[in-house]
Protein backbone atom coordinates (compact mmCIF):
# COMPACT_ATOMS: atom_id res chain seq x y z
CA MET A 1 57.07 -23.40 30.34
CA THR A 2 56.13 -20.49 28.30
CA THR A 3 52.54 -18.79 28.12
CA PRO A 4 51.12 -19.01 25.03
CA PRO A 5 50.61 -15.45 23.10
CA THR A 6 47.16 -13.86 22.99
CA ASN A 7 44.96 -12.64 20.61
CA PRO A 8 44.41 -8.55 20.98
CA PRO A 9 40.69 -8.28 20.98
CA ALA A 10 39.09 -6.99 17.84
CA PRO A 11 38.98 -3.24 17.60
CA ALA A 12 35.31 -1.57 18.46
CA ARG A 13 33.68 0.04 15.97
CA THR A 14 30.03 1.10 15.70
CA LYS A 15 27.43 1.07 12.98
CA PRO A 16 28.19 3.96 10.57
CA GLU A 17 26.39 6.79 10.92
CA GLY A 18 23.17 6.64 9.05
CA ILE A 19 22.90 3.29 7.73
CA ILE A 20 19.00 1.74 8.26
CA LEU A 21 19.26 -2.24 9.15
CA VAL A 22 16.84 -4.13 7.71
CA LYS A 23 16.08 -7.62 8.69
CA GLY A 24 13.33 -10.38 7.29
CA GLN A 25 11.42 -12.86 8.79
CA PRO A 26 12.63 -15.91 9.52
CA GLU A 27 10.53 -17.40 6.92
CA GLN A 28 12.27 -15.10 4.48
CA GLY A 29 15.61 -16.19 2.36
CA ASP A 30 17.54 -18.08 5.12
CA GLY A 31 16.59 -16.05 7.91
CA LYS A 32 19.39 -14.23 8.76
CA ALA A 33 20.60 -12.13 5.85
CA VAL A 34 20.52 -8.57 7.20
CA PHE A 35 20.45 -5.58 4.69
CA GLY A 36 22.09 -2.11 5.34
CA ILE A 37 20.59 1.26 3.57
CA TRP A 38 22.77 3.98 3.45
CA PRO A 39 21.73 7.63 3.24
CA SER A 40 22.64 7.63 -0.29
CA GLY A 41 20.13 5.09 -1.39
CA TYR A 42 22.99 2.41 -1.40
CA CYS A 43 21.98 -0.69 -0.71
CA ARG A 44 23.71 -3.86 0.24
CA ARG A 45 23.72 -7.42 2.58
CA ILE A 46 25.61 -6.40 5.70
CA THR A 47 28.64 -9.47 6.62
CA ALA A 48 28.41 -11.24 9.68
CA ALA A 49 31.69 -10.01 10.09
CA GLU A 50 30.87 -6.04 9.84
CA TYR A 51 27.47 -6.85 11.99
CA THR A 52 29.89 -8.77 14.64
CA LEU A 53 32.24 -6.01 14.50
CA TRP A 54 29.61 -3.16 14.87
CA GLY A 55 28.70 -5.09 18.12
CA PHE A 56 25.28 -6.61 16.88
CA PRO A 57 23.47 -3.53 16.85
CA GLU A 58 19.69 -2.92 16.99
CA ILE A 59 17.81 -3.91 13.50
CA ASP A 60 15.92 -0.50 12.61
CA TYR A 61 13.19 -1.79 10.40
CA TRP A 62 12.09 -5.83 10.35
CA ILE A 63 10.06 -6.68 7.23
CA PRO A 64 6.61 -7.69 7.92
CA ALA A 65 6.13 -11.50 7.30
CA ASN A 66 3.42 -10.78 4.67
CA ARG A 67 5.95 -8.16 2.72
CA ASP A 68 7.87 -11.13 0.89
CA ASP A 69 8.11 -8.44 -1.82
CA GLU A 70 10.35 -6.28 0.29
CA TYR A 71 12.58 -8.86 1.13
CA ASN A 72 13.26 -9.77 -2.35
CA GLN A 73 13.67 -6.56 -3.93
CA LEU A 74 16.32 -6.08 -1.18
CA HIS A 75 17.91 -9.84 -1.87
CA ALA A 76 17.44 -9.13 -5.52
CA TYR A 77 19.63 -5.89 -5.23
CA ASP A 78 21.94 -7.11 -3.16
CA ALA A 79 22.44 -10.42 -5.50
CA ALA A 80 23.16 -7.90 -8.98
CA LEU A 81 25.47 -5.97 -7.13
CA ARG A 82 27.63 -9.52 -6.40
CA GLY A 83 27.08 -10.63 -10.00
């Protein structure tokens, strides 16, 4: 009887330096979106795989519940990038 092969753990990486992570409230969008804003001004939604790979880093800025415009702006920018 052979031992089944084990998968090696995913490589550990940290959140790239300078990225600001922004998250809305549960009632904004799907409640799970995390956006990344790079020092250059580039902004996009962070994938679940990236967030997991980075070790679930803390959110730098939580969009207030009464600021749907902030969430909508990030969401629209991301949607435009993805076409």
